[in-house]
Amino acid sequence: LFGSDQRVVVVEQANDFVKNYREHLEDYVARPRSDATLILEVTAWPGNTRLAKAVAATGLTIKCQMPERNPEAAQYNRQLKDWLVAVARRQFDAVLVRPAVDQLVELLPPEPGILFQEVSRLALLAGPAKRIDADLVRNNVGGWRTRKTWDMIDAAADGRAADAIEQLDRLLAAGEEPQGLLPQMASTLRKFAMAVQAFDQAERRGQGLSIRQALERAGFTGSLAFKLKDAERQLKQIGRARGRLLYRWLLAADLEMKDYNSPRDRARRVLETLIVKLSREAAIP
């Protein structure tokens, strides 16, 4: 993409691929191309096979799951907390203090993608001070609420307005405020708007750009890479016409919540209106 001679080939859901072409892969590992990297994403990788042993000897095997044994788990948690502090500083210009990160890891599953999204949300709620402390975590993080918030955002982006509004009902009944939910929705929807902008810019330049590439440019990388498949489906559902309007819709919603529609019931209607605009039924041809 940027003029490099090195190519990367990724085979997703490669279990059947490995099963059907095991001998070819064994030959390839013995004589790999110097100008390419082959990545196989599998759910099972028995270490006693000839292929696994060959990869271990000349390539790299990455186990993408949390360690279960105590020494490894303790080290993983330490590294995870250090990484979250660094992410807060580098990507969100926020200070995530140690007591806050300890509490965050206690309240949520120790999965980098989920924790990254939560740090992103907390940075928005931290205000101008950009300080994420234990009180902010305690008052705004809850396992059930966090899951339901992301469920609502996913349902809205998928165009399932009824499901999204149902999740919104539950969150508001549990004490969430519309003014706190909008920044979380906006954080995801802005990425879709950026992806559409990337499409438009590439088109004007006469360049080809895939949906995945556009989403990666918009920020679905690193810890958010696990959301790429869902994001591809959601961006197709939203469409380019609505994608171009997202910035305007989000700005209007933010201004409305700070003005006439600041009371809770009116702010709720602002969120519901945004969800309906994203619905399948409201698609713009």
Protein backbone atom coordinates (compact mmCIF):
# COMPACT_ATOMS: atom_id res chain seq x y z
CA LEU A 1 0.00 0.00 0.00
CA PHE A 2 2.84 2.41 0.82
CA GLY A 3 5.40 1.10 -1.65
CA SER A 4 6.85 -1.70 0.46
CA ASP A 5 7.89 -4.92 -1.25
CA GLN A 6 6.77 -6.97 1.75
CA ARG A 7 3.31 -8.51 1.40
CA VAL A 8 1.05 -9.88 4.13
CA VAL A 9 -1.53 -12.60 3.43
CA VAL A 10 -4.12 -13.29 6.15
CA VAL A 11 -6.34 -16.39 6.01
CA GLU A 12 -9.25 -15.96 8.43
CA GLN A 13 -11.16 -18.94 9.88
CA ALA A 14 -8.36 -21.11 8.52
CA ASN A 15 -9.19 -24.44 10.22
CA ASP A 16 -10.49 -26.05 7.01
CA PHE A 17 -7.72 -24.43 4.97
CA VAL A 18 -5.08 -26.00 7.23
CA LYS A 19 -6.86 -29.37 7.13
CA ASN A 20 -7.15 -29.44 3.33
CA TYR A 21 -3.70 -28.07 2.50
CA ARG A 22 -1.57 -29.30 5.39
CA GLU A 23 1.12 -30.88 3.18
CA HIS A 24 1.38 -27.76 1.02
CA LEU A 25 1.72 -25.62 4.14
CA GLU A 26 4.44 -27.90 5.50
CA ASP A 27 6.33 -27.46 2.24
CA TYR A 28 5.81 -23.70 2.37
CA VAL A 29 7.09 -23.42 5.96
CA ALA A 30 10.21 -25.30 4.89
CA ARG A 31 10.78 -22.85 2.01
CA PRO A 32 8.85 -19.63 2.75
CA ARG A 33 8.90 -16.58 0.49
CA SER A 34 11.23 -13.86 1.71
CA ASP A 35 8.96 -11.07 0.44
CA ALA A 36 5.72 -12.21 2.12
CA THR A 37 4.26 -13.09 5.50
CA LEU A 38 1.49 -15.69 5.80
CA ILE A 39 -0.85 -15.41 8.79
CA LEU A 40 -3.29 -18.22 9.62
CA GLU A 41 -6.12 -17.50 12.08
CA VAL A 42 -7.29 -20.79 13.60
CA THR A 43 -9.32 -21.85 16.62
CA ALA A 44 -7.29 -25.03 17.16
CA TRP A 45 -3.54 -25.55 16.75
CA PRO A 46 -2.33 -28.87 18.23
CA GLY A 47 1.35 -28.52 19.06
CA ASN A 48 2.22 -32.14 18.26
CA THR A 49 1.64 -31.91 14.48
CA ARG A 50 4.50 -31.60 12.00
CA LEU A 51 3.12 -28.28 10.80
CA ALA A 52 2.92 -26.81 14.30
CA LYS A 53 6.45 -27.96 15.11
CA ALA A 54 7.78 -26.50 11.87
CA VAL A 55 6.09 -23.15 12.52
CA ALA A 56 7.45 -23.10 16.08
CA ALA A 57 10.95 -23.69 14.72
CA THR A 58 11.00 -21.15 11.88
CA GLY A 59 7.95 -18.92 12.35
CA LEU A 60 5.85 -17.62 15.20
CA THR A 61 2.86 -19.08 17.04
CA ILE A 62 0.73 -16.52 18.90
CA LYS A 63 -1.81 -17.82 21.40
CA CYS A 64 -4.67 -15.31 21.44
CA GLN A 65 -6.28 -16.21 24.75
CA MET A 66 -5.86 -15.17 28.34
CA PRO A 67 -3.43 -17.28 30.40
CA GLU A 68 -5.06 -19.51 33.00
CA ARG A 69 -2.13 -20.45 35.23
CA ASN A 70 -1.43 -18.13 38.17
CA PRO A 71 2.12 -16.91 37.38
CA GLU A 72 1.21 -16.21 33.76
CA ALA A 73 -2.14 -14.65 34.70
CA ALA A 74 -0.51 -12.31 37.22
CA GLN A 75 2.06 -11.18 34.67
CA TYR A 76 -0.68 -10.70 32.07
CA ASN A 77 -2.69 -8.49 34.46
CA ARG A 78 0.36 -6.35 35.25
CA GLN A 79 1.14 -5.85 31.58
CA LEU A 80 -2.52 -5.19 30.79
CA LYS A 81 -2.72 -2.44 33.41
CA ASP A 82 0.52 -0.83 32.21
CA TRP A 83 -0.81 -0.91 28.67
CA LEU A 84 -4.12 0.71 29.65
CA VAL A 85 -2.29 3.56 31.40
CA ALA A 86 -0.15 4.08 28.29
CA VAL A 87 -3.17 3.91 25.95
CA ALA A 88 -5.04 6.52 28.00
CA ARG A 89 -2.06 8.85 27.77
CA ARG A 90 -1.10 8.33 24.12
CA GLN A 91 -4.48 7.98 22.42
CA PHE A 92 -6.80 10.01 24.63
CA ASP A 93 -4.42 12.48 26.30
CA ALA A 94 -5.83 11.36 29.66
CA VAL A 95 -4.28 10.34 32.96
CA LEU A 96 -5.49 6.93 34.15
CA VAL A 97 -4.38 6.67 37.78
CA ARG A 98 -3.37 3.31 39.28
CA PRO A 99 -6.31 2.87 41.70
CA ALA A 100 -8.65 3.51 38.76
CA VAL A 101 -7.01 0.96 36.48
CA ASP A 102 -7.04 -1.61 39.31
CA GLN A 103 -10.76 -1.09 39.77
CA LEU A 104 -11.40 -1.16 36.03
CA VAL A 105 -9.80 -4.59 35.67
CA GLU A 106 -11.79 -5.87 38.66
CA LEU A 107 -15.13 -4.69 37.26
CA LEU A 108 -14.73 -5.84 33.65
CA PRO A 109 -13.45 -8.96 31.86
CA PRO A 110 -9.66 -8.68 31.38
CA GLU A 111 -9.99 -8.44 27.60
CA PRO A 112 -7.96 -5.68 25.91
CA GLY A 113 -10.66 -4.76 23.39
CA ILE A 114 -13.39 -4.27 26.00
CA LEU A 115 -11.09 -2.36 28.36
CA PHE A 116 -9.83 -0.14 25.53
CA GLN A 117 -13.39 0.88 24.67
CA GLU A 118 -14.11 1.58 28.33
CA VAL A 119 -11.02 3.79 28.68
CA SER A 120 -12.17 5.63 25.55
CA ARG A 121 -15.59 6.19 27.15
CA LEU A 122 -14.12 7.32 30.47
CA ALA A 123 -11.80 9.78 28.73
CA LEU A 124 -14.90 11.41 27.22
CA LEU A 125 -16.56 11.58 30.64
CA ALA A 126 -13.45 12.93 32.38
CA GLY A 127 -14.04 16.45 31.09
CA PRO A 128 -11.34 19.10 30.60
CA ALA A 129 -9.22 17.71 33.44
CA LYS A 130 -8.70 14.47 31.47
CA ARG A 131 -8.11 12.61 34.73
CA ILE A 132 -9.62 9.15 35.14
CA ASP A 133 -9.68 8.39 38.85
CA ALA A 134 -11.25 5.68 40.99
CA ASP A 135 -14.40 7.75 41.63
CA LEU A 136 -15.02 8.20 37.90
CA VAL A 137 -14.64 4.45 37.35
CA ARG A 138 -16.83 3.56 40.33
CA ASN A 139 -19.61 5.92 39.24
CA ASN A 140 -19.60 5.07 35.54
CA VAL A 141 -18.44 1.50 35.09
CA GLY A 142 -20.60 -1.50 35.73
CA GLY A 143 -20.38 -4.84 34.01
CA TRP A 144 -24.07 -5.02 33.08
CA ARG A 145 -24.39 -1.36 32.07
CA THR A 146 -21.23 -1.48 29.99
CA ARG A 147 -22.39 -4.54 28.06
CA LYS A 148 -25.85 -3.06 27.49
CA THR A 149 -24.38 0.23 26.29
CA TRP A 150 -22.31 -1.51 23.63
CA ASP A 151 -25.28 -3.74 22.78
CA MET A 152 -27.35 -0.60 22.18
CA ILE A 153 -24.66 0.97 20.00
CA ASP A 154 -24.24 -2.22 17.96
CA ALA A 155 -28.01 -2.57 17.50
CA ALA A 156 -28.28 1.05 16.36
CA ALA A 157 -25.41 0.67 13.87
CA ASP A 158 -26.95 -2.57 12.59
CA GLY A 159 -30.19 -0.70 11.91
CA ARG A 160 -32.16 -2.64 14.54
CA ALA A 161 -33.93 0.40 15.96
CA ALA A 162 -36.42 -1.54 18.11
CA ASP A 163 -33.63 -3.51 19.80
CA ALA A 164 -31.53 -0.38 20.32
CA ILE A 165 -34.42 1.55 21.89
CA GLU A 166 -35.19 -1.42 24.14
CA GLN A 167 -31.58 -1.40 25.38
CA LEU A 168 -31.83 2.37 25.83
CA ASP A 169 -34.95 1.89 27.98
CA ARG A 170 -33.10 -0.53 30.23
CA LEU A 171 -30.07 1.72 30.58
CA LEU A 172 -32.15 4.77 31.47
CA ALA A 173 -34.18 2.71 33.95
CA ALA A 174 -30.90 1.63 35.56
CA GLY A 175 -29.88 5.26 36.09
CA GLU A 176 -27.82 6.10 33.00
CA GLU A 177 -28.18 9.65 31.67
CA PRO A 178 -28.77 10.44 27.97
CA GLN A 179 -25.98 13.04 28.12
CA GLY A 180 -23.60 10.27 29.17
CA LEU A 181 -24.72 7.84 26.48
CA LEU A 182 -24.42 10.22 23.53
CA PRO A 183 -20.59 10.57 23.72
CA GLN A 184 -20.28 6.79 23.70
CA MET A 185 -22.48 6.50 20.61
CA ALA A 186 -20.64 9.38 18.97
CA SER A 187 -17.26 7.74 19.56
CA THR A 188 -18.27 4.81 17.34
CA LEU A 189 -20.38 6.71 14.81
CA ARG A 190 -17.61 9.23 14.17
CA LYS A 191 -15.40 6.35 13.04
CA PHE A 192 -18.02 5.38 10.46
CA ALA A 193 -18.16 9.01 9.30
CA MET A 194 -14.36 9.04 8.96
CA ALA A 195 -14.47 5.80 6.95
CA VAL A 196 -16.96 7.32 4.50
CA GLN A 197 -14.73 10.38 4.17
CA ALA A 198 -11.81 8.06 3.37
CA PHE A 199 -13.94 6.41 0.65
CA ASP A 200 -14.84 9.77 -0.87
CA GLN A 201 -11.25 11.01 -0.82
CA ALA A 202 -9.95 7.81 -2.42
CA GLU A 203 -12.64 8.02 -5.10
CA ARG A 204 -11.72 11.60 -5.97
CA ARG A 205 -8.11 10.52 -6.37
CA GLY A 206 -9.07 7.55 -8.52
CA GLN A 207 -7.80 5.09 -5.92
CA GLY A 208 -9.40 1.82 -4.86
CA LEU A 209 -10.24 1.37 -1.20
CA SER A 210 -11.95 -1.58 0.49
CA ILE A 211 -14.41 -1.22 3.35
CA ARG A 212 -11.90 -2.82 5.70
CA GLN A 213 -9.14 -0.41 4.67
CA ALA A 214 -11.44 2.57 5.17
CA LEU A 215 -12.43 1.36 8.63
CA GLU A 216 -8.81 0.76 9.57
CA ARG A 217 -7.97 4.31 8.54
CA ALA A 218 -10.88 5.49 10.67
CA GLY A 219 -9.50 3.85 13.80
CA PHE A 220 -10.68 0.23 13.84
CA THR A 221 -7.13 -0.98 14.45
CA GLY A 222 -5.09 -2.26 17.35
CA SER A 223 -7.40 -3.15 20.21
CA LEU A 224 -10.46 -2.36 18.09
CA ALA A 225 -9.42 -4.74 15.30
CA PHE A 226 -11.67 -7.42 16.83
CA LYS A 227 -14.65 -5.22 15.86
CA LEU A 228 -13.70 -5.03 12.18
CA LYS A 229 -16.08 -7.70 10.88
CA ASP A 230 -19.03 -6.20 12.74
CA ALA A 231 -18.00 -2.71 11.63
CA GLU A 232 -17.89 -3.78 7.96
CA ARG A 233 -21.46 -5.08 8.19
CA GLN A 234 -22.62 -1.97 10.06
CA LEU A 235 -21.04 0.47 7.63
CA LYS A 236 -22.73 -1.30 4.72
CA GLN A 237 -26.04 -0.97 6.57
CA ILE A 238 -25.53 2.73 7.30
CA GLY A 239 -24.47 3.43 3.71
CA ARG A 240 -22.45 6.26 2.27
CA ALA A 241 -25.36 8.72 2.04
CA ARG A 242 -26.10 8.53 5.76
CA GLY A 243 -22.41 8.22 6.59
CA ARG A 244 -21.84 11.66 5.10
CA LEU A 245 -24.50 13.08 7.44
CA LEU A 246 -23.23 11.52 10.67
CA TYR A 247 -21.05 14.45 11.76
CA ARG A 248 -23.97 16.84 11.25
CA TRP A 249 -26.40 14.57 13.13
CA LEU A 250 -24.02 14.13 16.06
CA LEU A 251 -23.32 17.85 16.34
CA ALA A 252 -27.05 18.62 16.24
CA ALA A 253 -27.77 16.01 18.93
CA ASP A 254 -25.02 17.40 21.16
CA LEU A 255 -26.29 20.97 20.82
CA GLU A 256 -29.90 19.93 21.42
CA MET A 257 -28.99 18.13 24.65
CA LYS A 258 -27.26 21.27 25.92
CA ASP A 259 -30.15 23.56 25.08
CA TYR A 260 -33.92 23.13 24.90
CA ASN A 261 -33.74 19.34 25.08
CA SER A 262 -31.51 19.15 28.14
CA PRO A 263 -34.26 17.72 30.46
CA ARG A 264 -34.01 13.95 30.72
CA ASP A 265 -37.17 13.04 28.80
CA ARG A 266 -36.34 15.39 25.93
CA ALA A 267 -32.70 14.26 25.84
CA ARG A 268 -33.97 10.71 25.57
CA ARG A 269 -35.98 11.65 22.48
CA VAL A 270 -32.81 13.07 20.91
CA LEU A 271 -31.15 9.66 21.27
CA GLU A 272 -34.23 7.85 19.97
CA THR A 273 -34.32 10.14 16.93
CA LEU A 274 -30.67 9.38 16.18
CA ILE A 275 -31.34 5.64 16.49
CA VAL A 276 -34.32 5.84 14.12
CA LYS A 277 -32.25 7.77 11.56
CA LEU A 278 -29.84 4.82 11.53
CA SER A 279 -32.58 2.20 11.16
CA ARG A 280 -32.89 -0.08 8.15
CA GLU A 281 -36.28 1.44 7.40
CA ALA A 282 -34.75 4.93 7.16
CA ALA A 283 -32.01 3.95 4.70
CA ILE A 284 -31.23 6.60 2.09
CA PRO A 285 -31.11 5.15 -1.48
